[in-house]
Amino acid sequence: MKFNLHILFAFLILGSDVKAQDPVFTQFLIVPETLNPAFTGASSSWNAGIIHRRQWPDANKRIDTQYGFANNLITDNIGLGFTVLNQKETFTNYNYFQLNGAVSYLIELNYNWRLRLGLEGGFGRKDFNFSNLLLEDQININDGSISGPSIDPGYLSYNSKINFADFSFGVLVDQENAWFGATLKHLSRPDISFVENGNVPLDLFLSVHGGYYFTLNDTPYSFLPPDSDFLLSFNYMRQSQFNRLDIGTSLEMNMISVGLIAATNPEGRNTNSHLVTSLNPFVTLRVGEFKFGYSYDFNTSSFGHNQGIHEFTLTWQSKYTCRDCDNYRMKIKDIRW
């Protein structure tokens, strides 16, 4: 089935001014590897997980994104792992795939604080099925019939697939109750133009993030289960002219966690910009070494009739019962995000 796309729409997607944005996950607290390669091996044991995100499921606006990872601390200082990302848009049949390897290095600053350096790099591919494009010169204006391929010279120069190498760097400082980090993605600025001899460098992606745990057991909230904590977190992101600040709170307990993340647009570009663009409650349930998570993004902007965003996570961490062992140095509240 061909999509009746206006020529202007094709230009916006394929032209030299196109700007790509990275997928953003609501449950970054559950899978911090989506933010920063310095988290590779941070749990000091085998750690793996997947995310499935369905964005705007209403009709043909749907975007599905999957992310998977696995990593471990292979020595006292070095963590190794891999990540895989796939995103598909229903309307355009656009697909983005990336497979990366990740390495981190741990430096003990003192008894409490640690510095982690992370590097991630690998192979990326963007696909677009141009046979689904219907340009203006293919339409017979007399009867509306379709008459062969387009004679537009640019149409013949479009590449349906582009491959590229990509690299990212991250830094993280942490102790038992807090972490602060920053990431800069797409350091190689790969060319993502679908046009032959095009030049569209992928924009740098900046993330600055952190969190702090407040212990509740020695407060009036001592009726909560042991080791219950209240978490405050933030994640600021910028790519090209786009920016976003997520501010989150959650109540962390042994078996279950509940929280709320507010996605904000702190640097509105016009008078129609909303400061708070969505409110995103989430819940997680721990069963043995597994953790299940679900979040739903309630849109608060003028972009309506989209049925929100659903996100599911499943993570696994081995040797969870040994999290209090003397040699289990990296805790940050037992990696409970």
Protein backbone atom coordinates (compact mmCIF):
# COMPACT_ATOMS: atom_id res chain seq x y z
CA MET A 1 0.00 0.00 0.00
CA LYS A 2 1.41 3.38 -1.02
CA PHE A 3 1.23 6.42 1.22
CA ASN A 4 -0.01 9.63 -0.36
CA LEU A 5 2.79 11.82 0.92
CA HIS A 6 3.11 15.44 -0.04
CA ILE A 7 6.39 16.41 -1.68
CA LEU A 8 7.08 18.84 1.13
CA PHE A 9 6.81 15.99 3.65
CA ALA A 10 9.33 13.97 1.66
CA PHE A 11 11.69 16.92 1.64
CA LEU A 12 11.44 17.35 5.39
CA ILE A 13 12.38 13.71 5.90
CA LEU A 14 15.05 13.40 3.23
CA GLY A 15 16.42 16.87 2.69
CA SER A 16 19.67 18.29 3.92
CA ASP A 17 18.07 19.99 6.93
CA VAL A 18 16.61 16.83 8.48
CA LYS A 19 17.33 16.46 12.21
CA ALA A 20 17.11 13.07 13.92
CA GLN A 21 16.23 12.68 17.59
CA ASP A 22 17.28 9.78 19.77
CA PRO A 23 14.65 7.59 21.45
CA VAL A 24 14.01 8.60 25.07
CA PHE A 25 12.81 6.08 27.68
CA THR A 26 10.57 6.91 30.62
CA GLN A 27 11.99 4.18 32.87
CA PHE A 28 15.60 5.35 32.71
CA LEU A 29 15.79 4.64 36.46
CA ILE A 30 15.21 0.93 35.81
CA VAL A 31 17.64 0.68 32.89
CA PRO A 32 20.29 3.40 33.35
CA GLU A 33 22.33 1.85 30.51
CA THR A 34 20.01 3.76 28.16
CA LEU A 35 21.55 6.96 29.55
CA ASN A 36 25.20 6.33 30.15
CA PRO A 37 27.75 3.62 29.17
CA ALA A 38 29.50 4.24 32.51
CA PHE A 39 26.73 2.13 34.12
CA THR A 40 28.17 -0.93 32.32
CA GLY A 41 29.05 -3.48 35.01
CA ALA A 42 27.83 -1.20 37.81
CA SER A 43 25.87 -3.99 39.49
CA SER A 44 29.07 -6.04 39.97
CA SER A 45 27.27 -9.14 38.65
CA TRP A 46 25.53 -10.28 35.50
CA ASN A 47 22.84 -7.78 34.60
CA ALA A 48 20.50 -7.92 31.60
CA GLY A 49 17.16 -6.55 30.50
CA ILE A 50 14.78 -5.44 27.77
CA ILE A 51 12.44 -2.48 27.23
CA HIS A 52 9.44 -2.32 24.92
CA ARG A 53 8.00 1.15 24.31
CA ARG A 54 4.83 1.77 22.29
CA GLN A 55 4.38 5.45 21.55
CA TRP A 56 1.10 6.95 20.25
CA PRO A 57 -0.60 3.60 19.54
CA ASP A 58 -3.60 5.31 17.93
CA ALA A 59 -3.85 4.35 14.22
CA ASN A 60 -0.85 5.07 11.99
CA LYS A 61 1.10 7.36 14.35
CA ARG A 62 2.51 4.41 16.29
CA ILE A 63 6.23 4.20 17.07
CA ASP A 64 7.61 0.98 18.59
CA THR A 65 11.02 0.99 20.27
CA GLN A 66 12.90 -1.95 21.78
CA TYR A 67 16.11 -1.84 23.78
CA GLY A 68 18.14 -4.71 25.22
CA PHE A 69 21.38 -4.95 27.19
CA ALA A 70 23.66 -7.34 29.08
CA ASN A 71 26.79 -6.55 31.06
CA ASN A 72 29.03 -7.65 33.91
CA LEU A 73 32.06 -6.48 35.90
CA ILE A 74 34.76 -8.83 34.57
CA THR A 75 37.57 -7.55 36.84
CA ASP A 76 37.70 -5.31 39.89
CA ASN A 77 37.77 -2.26 37.60
CA ILE A 78 36.53 -3.17 34.12
CA GLY A 79 32.94 -3.77 32.99
CA LEU A 80 31.95 -5.15 29.59
CA GLY A 81 28.61 -5.42 27.87
CA PHE A 82 26.51 -4.78 24.78
CA THR A 83 23.34 -2.89 23.92
CA VAL A 84 20.87 -3.22 21.04
CA LEU A 85 18.25 -0.68 19.95
CA ASN A 86 15.51 -0.96 17.34
CA GLN A 87 12.86 1.64 16.48
CA LYS A 88 10.13 1.46 13.83
CA GLU A 89 7.58 4.04 12.72
CA THR A 90 4.32 2.63 11.35
CA PHE A 91 3.39 5.59 9.15
CA THR A 92 6.63 5.88 7.18
CA ASN A 93 8.10 2.35 7.58
CA TYR A 94 11.23 4.07 8.86
CA ASN A 95 13.45 1.76 10.94
CA TYR A 96 16.48 2.57 13.08
CA PHE A 97 18.74 -0.22 14.40
CA GLN A 98 21.93 0.00 16.44
CA LEU A 99 24.19 -2.63 18.02
CA ASN A 100 26.92 -1.42 20.37
CA GLY A 101 29.62 -2.80 22.61
CA ALA A 102 30.30 -0.99 25.89
CA VAL A 103 33.21 -0.86 28.33
CA SER A 104 33.60 0.96 31.65
CA TYR A 105 36.51 1.62 33.98
CA LEU A 106 36.14 2.11 37.74
CA ILE A 107 38.36 4.44 39.79
CA GLU A 108 38.04 4.46 43.59
CA LEU A 109 38.21 8.12 44.65
CA ASN A 110 37.91 7.37 48.38
CA TYR A 111 36.04 4.95 50.64
CA ASN A 112 32.65 6.44 49.70
CA TRP A 113 32.91 7.88 46.19
CA ARG A 114 33.78 6.21 42.90
CA LEU A 115 34.41 7.53 39.39
CA ARG A 116 33.29 5.49 36.38
CA LEU A 117 34.28 6.18 32.77
CA GLY A 118 32.32 4.55 29.97
CA LEU A 119 32.77 4.20 26.21
CA GLU A 120 30.20 2.75 23.81
CA GLY A 121 30.51 2.18 20.10
CA GLY A 122 29.21 0.07 17.28
CA PHE A 123 27.18 -0.21 14.11
CA GLY A 124 24.00 1.66 13.17
CA ARG A 125 21.53 1.37 10.28
CA LYS A 126 18.61 3.50 9.15
CA ASP A 127 16.11 2.06 6.64
CA PHE A 128 13.38 3.81 4.69
CA ASN A 129 11.19 2.14 2.06
CA PHE A 130 11.10 4.77 -0.68
CA SER A 131 8.83 2.60 -2.82
CA ASN A 132 6.06 3.74 -0.45
CA LEU A 133 6.57 7.38 -1.41
CA LEU A 134 4.03 8.78 -3.85
CA LEU A 135 5.21 12.03 -5.41
CA GLU A 136 3.10 14.59 -7.18
CA ASP A 137 4.26 13.85 -10.72
CA GLN A 138 3.09 10.22 -10.38
CA ILE A 139 -0.56 11.26 -10.03
CA ASN A 140 -2.74 11.79 -13.09
CA ILE A 141 -4.70 14.90 -12.11
CA ASN A 142 -7.52 14.02 -14.55
CA ASP A 143 -8.58 10.71 -13.03
CA GLY A 144 -6.36 10.32 -9.93
CA SER A 145 -4.61 7.21 -11.26
CA ILE A 146 -0.94 6.42 -10.59
CA SER A 147 1.29 6.44 -13.65
CA GLY A 148 4.67 4.79 -13.13
CA PRO A 149 7.70 5.96 -11.14
CA SER A 150 8.56 9.57 -10.46
CA ILE A 151 10.90 11.42 -12.81
CA ASP A 152 12.07 13.66 -9.97
CA PRO A 153 15.91 13.56 -10.22
CA GLY A 154 16.28 13.48 -6.45
CA TYR A 155 13.99 10.46 -6.17
CA LEU A 156 16.49 8.32 -8.09
CA SER A 157 19.36 9.32 -5.79
CA TYR A 158 17.71 8.27 -2.51
CA ASN A 159 19.35 5.40 -0.65
CA SER A 160 16.91 3.10 1.10
CA LYS A 161 19.53 2.06 3.70
CA ILE A 162 22.41 3.88 5.33
CA ASN A 163 25.04 2.32 7.59
CA PHE A 164 27.29 4.17 9.99
CA ALA A 165 29.66 3.79 12.94
CA ASP A 166 28.78 5.60 16.14
CA PHE A 167 30.49 6.28 19.49
CA SER A 168 29.45 7.69 22.87
CA PHE A 169 31.26 8.61 26.09
CA GLY A 170 29.97 8.88 29.64
CA VAL A 171 31.20 9.72 33.11
CA LEU A 172 29.60 8.83 36.45
CA VAL A 173 30.40 9.56 40.10
CA ASP A 174 28.51 7.60 42.73
CA GLN A 175 28.30 6.42 46.30
CA GLU A 176 25.79 4.31 48.19
CA ASN A 177 22.99 6.89 48.22
CA ALA A 178 23.67 9.11 45.21
CA TRP A 179 24.90 9.24 41.64
CA PHE A 180 25.62 12.04 39.16
CA GLY A 181 26.66 11.59 35.57
CA ALA A 182 26.86 13.01 32.05
CA THR A 183 26.87 11.47 28.58
CA LEU A 184 27.72 12.76 25.13
CA LYS A 185 26.45 10.53 22.30
CA HIS A 186 27.29 10.48 18.56
CA LEU A 187 30.85 11.76 19.00
CA SER A 188 31.71 10.67 15.44
CA ARG A 189 28.81 12.76 14.02
CA PRO A 190 27.93 10.08 11.41
CA ASP A 191 26.29 11.17 8.15
CA ILE A 192 22.64 10.00 8.19
CA SER A 193 21.49 11.52 4.90
CA PHE A 194 19.42 9.26 2.63
CA VAL A 195 20.40 11.39 -0.34
CA GLU A 196 23.42 10.35 -2.39
CA ASN A 197 26.40 12.60 -1.59
CA GLY A 198 24.30 14.22 1.15
CA ASN A 199 25.82 15.56 4.35
CA VAL A 200 23.59 15.40 7.43
CA PRO A 201 25.73 14.79 10.55
CA LEU A 202 23.81 13.18 13.40
CA ASP A 203 23.38 15.77 16.15
CA LEU A 204 25.22 15.32 19.43
CA PHE A 205 23.01 14.10 22.29
CA LEU A 206 23.80 15.44 25.77
CA SER A 207 22.39 13.96 28.97
CA VAL A 208 23.09 15.16 32.51
CA HIS A 209 21.49 13.02 35.18
CA GLY A 210 21.54 12.17 38.86
CA GLY A 211 19.65 10.97 41.88
CA TYR A 212 19.67 10.85 45.68
CA TYR A 213 18.13 8.35 48.10
CA PHE A 214 16.60 9.42 51.44
CA THR A 215 16.33 6.63 54.02
CA LEU A 216 12.86 6.41 55.60
CA ASN A 217 13.30 3.77 58.30
CA ASP A 218 14.45 6.26 60.96
CA THR A 219 11.61 8.68 60.26
CA PRO A 220 7.87 8.76 61.09
CA TYR A 221 7.50 6.47 58.05
CA SER A 222 9.14 3.56 59.91
CA PHE A 223 6.00 1.47 59.31
CA LEU A 224 7.37 0.85 55.80
CA PRO A 225 9.31 -2.36 55.07
CA PRO A 226 13.02 -2.41 56.00
CA ASP A 227 15.39 -0.65 53.58
CA SER A 228 12.62 1.55 52.18
CA ASP A 229 13.83 4.77 50.58
CA PHE A 230 12.54 7.86 48.82
CA LEU A 231 14.33 8.72 45.59
CA LEU A 232 14.64 12.10 43.87
CA SER A 233 16.09 12.04 40.36
CA PHE A 234 16.56 14.19 37.28
CA ASN A 235 17.62 13.75 33.67
CA TYR A 236 18.30 16.73 31.40
CA MET A 237 18.63 16.01 27.68
CA ARG A 238 19.49 18.19 24.72
CA GLN A 239 19.83 17.36 21.02
CA SER A 240 20.01 20.16 18.45
CA GLN A 241 17.30 22.68 19.38
CA PHE A 242 15.30 20.08 21.34
CA ASN A 243 15.54 19.82 25.11
CA ARG A 244 13.81 17.92 27.89
CA LEU A 245 14.12 17.73 31.68
CA ASP A 246 12.65 14.73 33.51
CA ILE A 247 12.13 15.15 37.25
CA GLY A 248 11.20 12.00 39.14
CA THR A 249 10.25 10.76 42.59
CA SER A 250 9.67 7.22 43.76
CA LEU A 251 9.11 5.18 46.88
CA GLU A 252 11.55 2.27 46.79
CA MET A 253 10.71 -0.87 48.80
CA ASN A 254 12.10 -4.40 48.73
CA MET A 255 9.49 -5.96 46.45
CA ILE A 256 7.67 -3.03 44.89
CA SER A 257 8.37 0.54 43.86
CA VAL A 258 5.96 3.27 42.76
CA GLY A 259 6.83 6.66 41.37
CA LEU A 260 6.04 9.58 39.10
CA ILE A 261 8.18 11.32 36.49
CA ALA A 262 7.30 14.72 35.05
CA ALA A 263 8.64 15.40 31.55
CA THR A 264 9.21 19.13 31.11
CA ASN A 265 10.29 21.49 28.37
CA PRO A 266 12.36 24.09 30.29
CA GLU A 267 13.37 26.10 27.20
CA GLY A 268 10.11 26.66 25.33
CA ARG A 269 10.71 27.73 21.74
CA ASN A 270 7.40 29.52 21.17
CA THR A 271 4.31 30.79 22.95
CA ASN A 272 2.53 27.45 22.44
CA SER A 273 5.20 25.47 24.29
CA HIS A 274 4.13 23.64 27.45
CA LEU A 275 6.36 23.58 30.51
CA VAL A 276 5.07 20.14 31.55
CA THR A 277 4.55 17.91 28.52
CA SER A 278 3.60 14.66 30.26
CA LEU A 279 3.10 13.04 33.68
CA ASN A 280 4.42 9.50 33.80
CA PRO A 281 3.53 7.18 36.72
CA PHE A 282 5.39 3.88 36.95
CA VAL A 283 5.43 0.76 39.09
CA THR A 284 7.98 -2.05 39.44
CA LEU A 285 7.68 -5.49 41.01
CA ARG A 286 10.65 -7.63 42.05
CA VAL A 287 10.33 -11.43 41.94
CA GLY A 288 13.58 -13.13 42.93
CA GLU A 289 16.30 -11.99 40.54
CA PHE A 290 13.79 -10.47 38.11
CA LYS A 291 12.14 -7.07 38.07
CA PHE A 292 9.06 -6.14 36.02
CA GLY A 293 8.19 -2.51 35.30
CA TYR A 294 5.38 -0.61 33.63
CA SER A 295 4.87 3.09 32.96
CA TYR A 296 2.26 5.16 31.17
CA ASP A 297 2.83 8.69 29.87
CA PHE A 298 -0.19 10.98 30.25
CA ASN A 299 0.17 13.70 27.64
CA THR A 300 -0.46 17.24 29.00
CA SER A 301 0.33 19.18 25.82
CA SER A 302 -1.96 20.08 22.91
CA PHE A 303 -0.92 16.94 21.01
CA GLY A 304 -4.11 14.98 21.63
CA HIS A 305 -5.82 11.76 20.53
CA ASN A 306 -2.62 9.73 20.78
CA GLN A 307 -3.54 7.26 23.55
CA GLY A 308 -0.36 8.03 25.48
CA ILE A 309 2.81 5.97 25.72
CA HIS A 310 3.13 2.49 27.23
CA GLU A 311 6.49 1.15 28.36
CA PHE A 312 7.31 -2.33 29.70
CA THR A 313 10.61 -3.43 31.24
CA LEU A 314 12.02 -6.79 32.31
CA THR A 315 15.43 -6.88 34.00
CA TRP A 316 17.51 -9.63 35.58
CA GLN A 317 20.41 -9.36 37.99
CA SER A 318 22.28 -12.46 39.13
CA LYS A 319 23.44 -13.07 42.70
CA TYR A 320 20.92 -10.59 44.04
CA THR A 321 20.82 -12.35 47.42
CA CYS A 322 24.49 -11.51 47.88
CA ARG A 323 24.06 -7.77 47.48
CA ASP A 324 25.25 -7.16 51.08
CA CYS A 325 28.39 -9.25 50.81
CA ASP A 326 31.62 -7.48 51.78
CA ASN A 327 32.93 -7.62 48.21
CA TYR A 328 29.77 -6.12 46.72
CA ARG A 329 31.05 -2.56 46.72
CA MET A 330 28.72 -0.89 44.23
CA LYS A 331 25.31 -0.59 45.88
CA ILE A 332 23.55 2.70 45.13
CA LYS A 333 20.67 1.16 47.07
CA ASP A 334 21.33 -2.25 45.48
CA ILE A 335 20.79 -0.98 41.93
CA ARG A 336 17.06 -0.79 42.57
CA TRP A 337 16.24 1.68 39.82
